[in-house]
């Protein structure tokens, strides 16, 4: 059961609060990793992972002050950077 489904069960007794609609719109966070875990997984510094999230280079969700990074998108980015090699520094690409 996803996190949003669990939340829906908890707020079911407040049908008119609008909370259920908010929860339905939440992404499924089970595929996301913390900045620390993303940095370890990719071999990047945590601040670089945060910069990628802020800049939209990887799909991420900000919850409060914490970033959660979509694991599959992070791995896609790492693979792309490895494939590009030194061409990744070319600003015209």
C-alpha atoms as a PDB file:
ATOM      1  CA  UNK A   1       0.000   0.000   0.000  1.00  0.00           C
ATOM      2  CA  UNK A   2       1.434   3.362  -1.017  1.00  0.00           C
ATOM      3  CA  UNK A   3       2.006   6.209   1.407  1.00  0.00           C
ATOM      4  CA  UNK A   4      -0.834   8.233  -0.124  1.00  0.00           C
ATOM      5  CA  UNK A   5      -3.241   5.270   0.180  1.00  0.00           C
ATOM      6  CA  UNK A   6      -2.321   4.923   3.851  1.00  0.00           C
ATOM      7  CA  UNK A   7      -2.957   8.629   4.398  1.00  0.00           C
ATOM      8  CA  UNK A   8      -6.317   8.399   2.626  1.00  0.00           C
ATOM      9  CA  UNK A   9      -7.374   5.658   5.031  1.00  0.00           C
ATOM     10  CA  UNK A  10      -6.430   7.845   8.008  1.00  0.00           C
ATOM     11  CA  UNK A  11      -8.358  10.902   6.829  1.00  0.00           C
ATOM     12  CA  UNK A  12     -11.391   9.057   5.457  1.00  0.00           C
ATOM     13  CA  UNK A  13     -13.436  10.189   8.432  1.00  0.00           C
ATOM     14  CA  UNK A  14     -13.013  13.848   7.314  1.00  0.00           C
ATOM     15  CA  UNK A  15     -14.699  13.582   3.894  1.00  0.00           C
ATOM     16  CA  UNK A  16     -15.290  17.323   3.401  1.00  0.00           C
ATOM     17  CA  UNK A  17     -11.954  18.613   4.637  1.00  0.00           C
ATOM     18  CA  UNK A  18     -10.270  18.651   1.236  1.00  0.00           C
ATOM     19  CA  UNK A  19      -7.455  16.594   2.736  1.00  0.00           C
ATOM     20  CA  UNK A  20      -8.305  13.559   0.583  1.00  0.00           C
ATOM     21  CA  UNK A  21      -7.926  15.626  -2.590  1.00  0.00           C
ATOM     22  CA  UNK A  22      -4.556  16.931  -1.415  1.00  0.00           C
ATOM     23  CA  UNK A  23      -3.344  13.423  -0.635  1.00  0.00           C
ATOM     24  CA  UNK A  24      -4.535  12.045  -3.981  1.00  0.00           C
ATOM     25  CA  UNK A  25      -2.368  14.652  -5.703  1.00  0.00           C
ATOM     26  CA  UNK A  26       0.762  13.694  -3.743  1.00  0.00           C
ATOM     27  CA  UNK A  27       3.377  11.739  -5.683  1.00  0.00           C
ATOM     28  CA  UNK A  28       4.150   8.167  -4.641  1.00  0.00           C
ATOM     29  CA  UNK A  29       7.323   8.760  -2.653  1.00  0.00           C
ATOM     30  CA  UNK A  30       8.413   5.115  -2.570  1.00  0.00           C
ATOM     31  CA  UNK A  31      10.553   5.674  -5.695  1.00  0.00           C
ATOM     32  CA  UNK A  32      12.339   8.690  -4.218  1.00  0.00           C
ATOM     33  CA  UNK A  33      15.593   8.797  -2.231  1.00  0.00           C
ATOM     34  CA  UNK A  34      17.043  11.378   0.129  1.00  0.00           C
ATOM     35  CA  UNK A  35      19.799  13.733  -0.990  1.00  0.00           C
ATOM     36  CA  UNK A  36      22.274  11.790   1.136  1.00  0.00           C
ATOM     37  CA  UNK A  37      21.278   8.460  -0.445  1.00  0.00           C
ATOM     38  CA  UNK A  38      21.225   9.987  -3.938  1.00  0.00           C
ATOM     39  CA  UNK A  39      24.730  11.398  -3.438  1.00  0.00           C
ATOM     40  CA  UNK A  40      26.052   8.009  -2.301  1.00  0.00           C
ATOM     41  CA  UNK A  41      24.290   6.217  -5.150  1.00  0.00           C
ATOM     42  CA  UNK A  42      25.621   8.589  -7.822  1.00  0.00           C
ATOM     43  CA  UNK A  43      29.020   9.328  -6.314  1.00  0.00           C
ATOM     44  CA  UNK A  44      28.207  13.064  -6.180  1.00  0.00           C
ATOM     45  CA  UNK A  45      28.458  15.555  -3.330  1.00  0.00           C
ATOM     46  CA  UNK A  46      25.128  16.187  -1.536  1.00  0.00           C
ATOM     47  CA  UNK A  47      25.240  19.895  -2.439  1.00  0.00           C
ATOM     48  CA  UNK A  48      25.586  19.005  -6.130  1.00  0.00           C
ATOM     49  CA  UNK A  49      22.522  16.741  -5.863  1.00  0.00           C
ATOM     50  CA  UNK A  50      20.567  19.621  -4.287  1.00  0.00           C
ATOM     51  CA  UNK A  51      21.723  21.934  -7.097  1.00  0.00           C
ATOM     52  CA  UNK A  52      20.548  19.416  -9.703  1.00  0.00           C
ATOM     53  CA  UNK A  53      17.156  19.232  -7.957  1.00  0.00           C
ATOM     54  CA  UNK A  54      16.802  23.025  -7.797  1.00  0.00           C
ATOM     55  CA  UNK A  55      17.870  23.368 -11.421  1.00  0.00           C
ATOM     56  CA  UNK A  56      15.509  20.686 -12.694  1.00  0.00           C
ATOM     57  CA  UNK A  57      18.270  18.383 -13.976  1.00  0.00           C
ATOM     58  CA  UNK A  58      16.656  15.514 -12.047  1.00  0.00           C
ATOM     59  CA  UNK A  59      13.039  15.065 -11.039  1.00  0.00           C
ATOM     60  CA  UNK A  60      12.675  15.887  -7.360  1.00  0.00           C
ATOM     61  CA  UNK A  61      10.096  16.873  -4.773  1.00  0.00           C
ATOM     62  CA  UNK A  62      10.751  19.378  -2.022  1.00  0.00           C
ATOM     63  CA  UNK A  63       9.083  18.462   1.255  1.00  0.00           C
ATOM     64  CA  UNK A  64       9.630  21.296   3.705  1.00  0.00           C
ATOM     65  CA  UNK A  65      13.358  21.977   3.476  1.00  0.00           C
ATOM     66  CA  UNK A  66      14.309  18.474   2.307  1.00  0.00           C
ATOM     67  CA  UNK A  67      14.672  17.317  -1.279  1.00  0.00           C
ATOM     68  CA  UNK A  68      13.632  13.850  -2.404  1.00  0.00           C
ATOM     69  CA  UNK A  69      15.150  12.705  -5.685  1.00  0.00           C
ATOM     70  CA  UNK A  70      13.468  10.298  -8.108  1.00  0.00           C
ATOM     71  CA  UNK A  71      15.882   7.352  -8.120  1.00  0.00           C
ATOM     72  CA  UNK A  72      15.307   6.349 -11.760  1.00  0.00           C
ATOM     73  CA  UNK A  73      15.858   9.923 -12.966  1.00  0.00           C
ATOM     74  CA  UNK A  74      19.075  10.217 -10.971  1.00  0.00           C
ATOM     75  CA  UNK A  75      20.372   6.986 -12.505  1.00  0.00           C
ATOM     76  CA  UNK A  76      19.363   8.227 -15.970  1.00  0.00           C
ATOM     77  CA  UNK A  77      21.321  11.430 -15.380  1.00  0.00           C
ATOM     78  CA  UNK A  78      24.422   9.539 -14.181  1.00  0.00           C
ATOM     79  CA  UNK A  79      24.304   7.247 -17.233  1.00  0.00           C
ATOM     80  CA  UNK A  80      23.927  10.222 -19.570  1.00  0.00           C
ATOM     81  CA  UNK A  81      26.909  12.013 -18.008  1.00  0.00           C
ATOM     82  CA  UNK A  82      29.026   8.856 -18.296  1.00  0.00           C
ATOM     83  CA  UNK A  83      27.986   8.448 -21.933  1.00  0.00           C
ATOM     84  CA  UNK A  84      28.865  12.050 -22.766  1.00  0.00           C
ATOM     85  CA  UNK A  85      32.321  11.866 -21.187  1.00  0.00           C
ATOM     86  CA  UNK A  86      34.189  15.136 -21.658  1.00  0.00           C
ATOM     87  CA  UNK A  87      31.462  16.400 -24.018  1.00  0.00           C
ATOM     88  CA  UNK A  88      29.338  17.085 -20.940  1.00  0.00           C
ATOM     89  CA  UNK A  89      31.403  20.258 -20.445  1.00  0.00           C
ATOM     90  CA  UNK A  90      30.483  21.581 -23.909  1.00  0.00           C
ATOM     91  CA  UNK A  91      28.024  24.439 -23.343  1.00  0.00           C
ATOM     92  CA  UNK A  92      26.716  24.208 -26.926  1.00  0.00           C
ATOM     93  CA  UNK A  93      25.268  20.706 -26.553  1.00  0.00           C
END
